[in-house]
């Protein structure tokens, strides 16, 4: 099983990294980024290990999520493997996730 990141998800992770690099320090930013990447490794062997994402059920694409710290790693299974579609800060309004999901996934 292969892990694939959409441009949108990669940009979300980059924004998180840049925020913590500026507001805390590079070590904090790197640790958060590494923890998020490491959390996705379990999907290689267990792609259905996350719960269904209730805020995206209306899309009928079986989006699932993993939680790492304050972040939801949103993903779905695709023919090529597991597609990471977003990294979402759980401290935000969940309705924002629905708005973000309307953007193209690749």
N, C-alpha and C. Protein backbone atom coordinates (compact mmCIF):
# COMPACT_ATOMS: atom_id res chain seq x y z
N UNK A 1 0.86 -1.18 0.00
CA UNK A 1 0.00 0.00 0.00
C UNK A 1 0.89 1.23 0.00
N UNK A 2 0.54 2.20 -0.80
CA UNK A 2 1.33 3.41 -0.99
C UNK A 2 0.58 4.61 -0.38
N UNK A 3 1.31 5.52 0.26
CA UNK A 3 0.74 6.76 0.80
C UNK A 3 0.98 7.86 -0.23
N UNK A 4 -0.08 8.53 -0.62
CA UNK A 4 -0.02 9.61 -1.61
C UNK A 4 -0.59 10.87 -0.96
N UNK A 5 0.11 11.96 -1.09
CA UNK A 5 -0.36 13.24 -0.53
C UNK A 5 -0.87 14.12 -1.66
N UNK A 6 -2.07 14.67 -1.51
CA UNK A 6 -2.54 15.66 -2.46
C UNK A 6 -1.73 16.94 -2.26
N UNK A 7 -1.72 17.78 -3.26
CA UNK A 7 -1.06 19.08 -3.12
C UNK A 7 -1.70 19.87 -1.98
N UNK A 8 -3.03 19.77 -1.89
CA UNK A 8 -3.74 20.50 -0.84
C UNK A 8 -3.28 20.07 0.55
N UNK A 9 -3.19 18.75 0.77
CA UNK A 9 -2.76 18.24 2.07
C UNK A 9 -1.30 18.62 2.36
N UNK A 10 -0.45 18.52 1.36
CA UNK A 10 0.95 18.89 1.54
C UNK A 10 1.07 20.38 1.88
N UNK A 11 0.27 21.21 1.23
CA UNK A 11 0.29 22.64 1.54
C UNK A 11 -0.25 22.92 2.93
N UNK A 12 -1.26 22.17 3.36
CA UNK A 12 -1.78 22.33 4.72
C UNK A 12 -0.69 22.01 5.74
N UNK A 13 0.04 20.93 5.49
CA UNK A 13 1.12 20.56 6.39
C UNK A 13 2.24 21.61 6.38
N UNK A 14 2.55 22.15 5.22
CA UNK A 14 3.55 23.20 5.11
C UNK A 14 3.12 24.44 5.89
N UNK A 15 1.85 24.81 5.81
CA UNK A 15 1.35 25.96 6.56
C UNK A 15 1.48 25.74 8.06
N UNK A 16 1.18 24.53 8.51
CA UNK A 16 1.32 24.19 9.93
C UNK A 16 2.77 24.33 10.35
N UNK A 17 3.67 23.77 9.54
CA UNK A 17 5.10 23.84 9.81
C UNK A 17 5.57 25.30 9.90
N UNK A 18 5.20 26.10 8.91
CA UNK A 18 5.63 27.49 8.88
C UNK A 18 5.08 28.29 10.06
N UNK A 19 3.84 28.00 10.44
CA UNK A 19 3.25 28.69 11.58
C UNK A 19 4.06 28.42 12.84
N UNK A 20 4.35 27.14 13.12
CA UNK A 20 5.08 26.81 14.34
C UNK A 20 6.55 27.23 14.27
N UNK A 21 7.10 27.24 13.08
CA UNK A 21 8.47 27.71 12.94
C UNK A 21 8.56 29.19 13.32
N UNK A 22 7.56 29.97 12.91
CA UNK A 22 7.54 31.40 13.21
C UNK A 22 7.08 31.70 14.64
N UNK A 23 6.10 30.96 15.13
CA UNK A 23 5.53 31.30 16.44
C UNK A 23 6.19 30.57 17.60
N UNK A 24 6.84 29.45 17.34
CA UNK A 24 7.55 28.71 18.40
C UNK A 24 9.02 28.66 18.00
N UNK A 25 9.40 27.57 17.36
CA UNK A 25 10.76 27.46 16.82
C UNK A 25 10.82 26.29 15.85
N UNK A 26 11.93 26.14 15.18
CA UNK A 26 12.07 25.12 14.14
C UNK A 26 11.98 23.70 14.72
N UNK A 27 12.43 23.51 15.96
CA UNK A 27 12.35 22.18 16.56
C UNK A 27 10.91 21.75 16.79
N UNK A 28 10.08 22.66 17.28
CA UNK A 28 8.66 22.36 17.50
C UNK A 28 8.00 22.07 16.15
N UNK A 29 8.26 22.93 15.17
CA UNK A 29 7.67 22.76 13.83
C UNK A 29 8.07 21.41 13.23
N UNK A 30 9.33 21.05 13.34
CA UNK A 30 9.82 19.78 12.79
C UNK A 30 9.20 18.59 13.52
N UNK A 31 9.07 18.69 14.83
CA UNK A 31 8.49 17.59 15.61
C UNK A 31 7.03 17.35 15.21
N UNK A 32 6.26 18.41 15.05
CA UNK A 32 4.85 18.28 14.66
C UNK A 32 4.76 17.65 13.27
N UNK A 33 5.56 18.14 12.34
CA UNK A 33 5.54 17.60 10.98
C UNK A 33 5.93 16.12 10.97
N UNK A 34 6.98 15.78 11.69
CA UNK A 34 7.43 14.39 11.76
C UNK A 34 6.36 13.49 12.38
N UNK A 35 5.73 13.94 13.45
CA UNK A 35 4.68 13.15 14.09
C UNK A 35 3.51 12.91 13.14
N UNK A 36 3.16 13.90 12.35
CA UNK A 36 2.07 13.72 11.39
C UNK A 36 2.48 12.71 10.32
N UNK A 37 3.68 12.83 9.78
CA UNK A 37 4.16 11.85 8.80
C UNK A 37 4.19 10.45 9.41
N UNK A 38 4.71 10.31 10.61
CA UNK A 38 4.79 9.00 11.25
C UNK A 38 3.42 8.38 11.48
N UNK A 39 2.43 9.21 11.81
CA UNK A 39 1.07 8.69 12.03
C UNK A 39 0.50 8.05 10.78
N UNK A 40 0.90 8.55 9.61
CA UNK A 40 0.35 7.99 8.37
C UNK A 40 0.95 6.63 8.02
N UNK A 41 2.07 6.27 8.61
CA UNK A 41 2.73 4.99 8.28
C UNK A 41 1.85 3.79 8.57
N UNK A 42 1.01 3.88 9.58
CA UNK A 42 0.14 2.73 9.91
C UNK A 42 -0.84 2.42 8.79
N UNK A 43 -1.11 3.41 7.93
CA UNK A 43 -2.06 3.21 6.84
C UNK A 43 -1.53 2.28 5.76
N UNK A 44 -0.23 2.09 5.72
CA UNK A 44 0.36 1.18 4.74
C UNK A 44 -0.16 -0.24 4.96
N UNK A 45 -0.21 -0.67 6.19
CA UNK A 45 -0.69 -2.02 6.50
C UNK A 45 -2.16 -2.05 6.92
N UNK A 46 -2.65 -0.93 7.43
CA UNK A 46 -4.02 -0.88 7.95
C UNK A 46 -4.76 0.34 7.42
N UNK A 47 -5.11 0.33 6.13
CA UNK A 47 -5.70 1.52 5.51
C UNK A 47 -7.09 1.88 6.04
N UNK A 48 -7.74 0.98 6.71
CA UNK A 48 -9.07 1.27 7.26
C UNK A 48 -9.03 1.50 8.76
N UNK A 49 -7.85 1.78 9.31
CA UNK A 49 -7.71 1.90 10.76
C UNK A 49 -8.34 3.16 11.33
N UNK A 50 -8.53 4.18 10.52
CA UNK A 50 -9.16 5.40 11.02
C UNK A 50 -10.67 5.31 10.96
N UNK A 51 -11.31 6.16 11.74
CA UNK A 51 -12.77 6.22 11.72
C UNK A 51 -13.24 7.00 10.51
N UNK A 52 -14.49 6.76 10.10
CA UNK A 52 -15.08 7.55 9.03
C UNK A 52 -15.21 8.99 9.50
N UNK A 53 -14.92 9.93 8.62
CA UNK A 53 -15.01 11.35 8.95
C UNK A 53 -16.45 11.82 8.77
N UNK A 54 -17.14 12.11 9.89
CA UNK A 54 -18.57 12.47 9.80
C UNK A 54 -18.84 13.75 9.02
N UNK A 55 -17.90 14.68 9.01
CA UNK A 55 -18.11 15.94 8.30
C UNK A 55 -17.99 15.81 6.79
N UNK A 56 -17.54 14.66 6.30
CA UNK A 56 -17.38 14.47 4.87
C UNK A 56 -18.20 13.30 4.33
N UNK A 57 -19.09 12.77 5.13
CA UNK A 57 -19.91 11.63 4.70
C UNK A 57 -20.72 11.98 3.46
N UNK A 58 -21.18 13.23 3.37
CA UNK A 58 -22.01 13.65 2.24
C UNK A 58 -21.31 13.47 0.90
N UNK A 59 -19.99 13.41 0.89
CA UNK A 59 -19.23 13.22 -0.35
C UNK A 59 -19.29 11.77 -0.84
N UNK A 60 -19.67 10.87 0.07
CA UNK A 60 -19.79 9.45 -0.25
C UNK A 60 -18.50 8.86 -0.83
N UNK A 61 -17.36 9.27 -0.26
CA UNK A 61 -16.06 8.78 -0.70
C UNK A 61 -15.32 8.04 0.42
N UNK A 62 -16.03 7.80 1.51
CA UNK A 62 -15.49 7.08 2.66
C UNK A 62 -14.19 7.69 3.19
N UNK A 63 -14.20 9.01 3.34
CA UNK A 63 -13.06 9.67 3.98
C UNK A 63 -12.94 9.18 5.42
N UNK A 64 -11.74 8.94 5.84
CA UNK A 64 -11.44 8.51 7.20
C UNK A 64 -10.44 9.50 7.79
N UNK A 65 -10.17 9.34 9.07
CA UNK A 65 -9.19 10.23 9.68
C UNK A 65 -8.41 9.53 10.78
N UNK A 66 -7.21 10.02 10.97
CA UNK A 66 -6.37 9.68 12.11
C UNK A 66 -6.17 10.97 12.88
N UNK A 67 -5.95 10.86 14.18
CA UNK A 67 -5.68 12.05 14.99
C UNK A 67 -4.23 12.00 15.44
N UNK A 68 -3.54 13.10 15.23
CA UNK A 68 -2.17 13.26 15.73
C UNK A 68 -2.09 14.64 16.36
N UNK A 69 -1.98 14.65 17.68
CA UNK A 69 -1.96 15.93 18.40
C UNK A 69 -3.27 16.67 18.19
N UNK A 70 -3.19 17.89 17.71
CA UNK A 70 -4.38 18.70 17.44
C UNK A 70 -4.86 18.59 16.00
N UNK A 71 -4.38 17.60 15.28
CA UNK A 71 -4.66 17.53 13.85
C UNK A 71 -5.35 16.25 13.44
N UNK A 72 -6.31 16.40 12.53
CA UNK A 72 -6.93 15.26 11.87
C UNK A 72 -6.23 15.09 10.53
N UNK A 73 -5.78 13.90 10.27
CA UNK A 73 -5.20 13.55 8.98
C UNK A 73 -6.33 12.88 8.20
N UNK A 74 -6.86 13.57 7.22
CA UNK A 74 -8.00 13.10 6.46
C UNK A 74 -7.48 12.32 5.25
N UNK A 75 -8.06 11.13 5.03
CA UNK A 75 -7.59 10.30 3.92
C UNK A 75 -8.72 9.44 3.39
N UNK A 76 -8.47 8.85 2.23
CA UNK A 76 -9.40 7.87 1.66
C UNK A 76 -8.59 6.87 0.85
N UNK A 77 -9.16 5.70 0.69
CA UNK A 77 -8.52 4.67 -0.13
C UNK A 77 -8.80 4.97 -1.59
N UNK A 78 -7.78 4.80 -2.40
CA UNK A 78 -7.90 4.91 -3.84
C UNK A 78 -7.21 3.71 -4.46
N UNK A 79 -7.37 3.53 -5.75
CA UNK A 79 -6.78 2.36 -6.42
C UNK A 79 -5.27 2.29 -6.20
N UNK A 80 -4.61 3.44 -6.20
CA UNK A 80 -3.15 3.49 -6.09
C UNK A 80 -2.65 3.29 -4.66
N UNK A 81 -3.52 3.42 -3.66
CA UNK A 81 -3.11 3.28 -2.25
C UNK A 81 -4.00 4.08 -1.33
N UNK A 82 -3.39 4.88 -0.48
CA UNK A 82 -4.11 5.74 0.46
C UNK A 82 -3.79 7.19 0.11
N UNK A 83 -4.84 7.98 -0.10
CA UNK A 83 -4.68 9.37 -0.50
C UNK A 83 -4.96 10.27 0.69
N UNK A 84 -3.93 10.99 1.14
CA UNK A 84 -4.08 11.98 2.21
C UNK A 84 -4.64 13.23 1.55
N UNK A 85 -5.84 13.66 1.98
CA UNK A 85 -6.49 14.79 1.32
C UNK A 85 -6.42 16.09 2.12
N UNK A 86 -6.16 16.00 3.43
CA UNK A 86 -6.11 17.22 4.24
C UNK A 86 -5.45 16.91 5.57
N UNK A 87 -4.88 17.93 6.17
CA UNK A 87 -4.44 17.89 7.56
C UNK A 87 -5.15 19.07 8.19
N UNK A 88 -6.08 18.77 9.08
CA UNK A 88 -7.02 19.76 9.59
C UNK A 88 -6.83 19.96 11.08
N UNK A 89 -6.70 21.21 11.49
CA UNK A 89 -6.55 21.56 12.91
C UNK A 89 -7.90 21.38 13.61
N UNK A 90 -7.97 20.49 14.57
CA UNK A 90 -9.23 20.18 15.24
C UNK A 90 -9.74 21.32 16.11
N UNK A 91 -8.93 22.35 16.31
CA UNK A 91 -9.38 23.50 17.09
C UNK A 91 -10.19 24.47 16.24
N UNK A 92 -10.31 24.19 14.95
CA UNK A 92 -11.10 25.02 14.05
C UNK A 92 -12.54 24.53 14.01
N UNK A 93 -13.41 25.36 13.45
CA UNK A 93 -14.81 25.00 13.25
C UNK A 93 -14.86 23.86 12.23
N UNK A 94 -15.48 22.73 12.57
CA UNK A 94 -15.53 21.59 11.64
C UNK A 94 -16.22 21.91 10.32
N UNK A 95 -17.08 22.92 10.30
CA UNK A 95 -17.73 23.30 9.04
C UNK A 95 -16.70 23.78 8.02
N UNK A 96 -15.58 24.27 8.50
CA UNK A 96 -14.51 24.72 7.60
C UNK A 96 -13.97 23.54 6.78
N UNK A 97 -14.00 22.35 7.37
CA UNK A 97 -13.53 21.15 6.67
C UNK A 97 -14.40 20.90 5.44
N UNK A 98 -15.70 21.12 5.56
CA UNK A 98 -16.59 20.91 4.43
C UNK A 98 -16.30 21.90 3.31
N UNK A 99 -15.99 23.12 3.66
CA UNK A 99 -15.65 24.14 2.67
C UNK A 99 -14.34 23.76 1.98
N UNK A 100 -13.37 23.32 2.77
CA UNK A 100 -12.06 22.95 2.22
C UNK A 100 -12.18 21.74 1.29
N UNK A 101 -13.13 20.85 1.58
CA UNK A 101 -13.28 19.63 0.77
C UNK A 101 -13.82 19.91 -0.63
N UNK A 102 -14.34 21.10 -0.86
CA UNK A 102 -14.86 21.45 -2.18
C UNK A 102 -13.74 21.79 -3.15
N UNK A 103 -12.53 21.98 -2.63
CA UNK A 103 -11.39 22.28 -3.49
C UNK A 103 -10.94 21.00 -4.17
N UNK A 104 -10.34 21.09 -5.36
CA UNK A 104 -9.88 19.89 -6.06
C UNK A 104 -8.89 19.10 -5.20
N UNK A 105 -8.97 17.77 -5.27
CA UNK A 105 -8.12 16.94 -4.40
C UNK A 105 -6.77 16.61 -5.00
N UNK A 106 -6.48 16.98 -6.20
CA UNK A 106 -5.14 16.73 -6.76
C UNK A 106 -4.62 17.91 -7.49
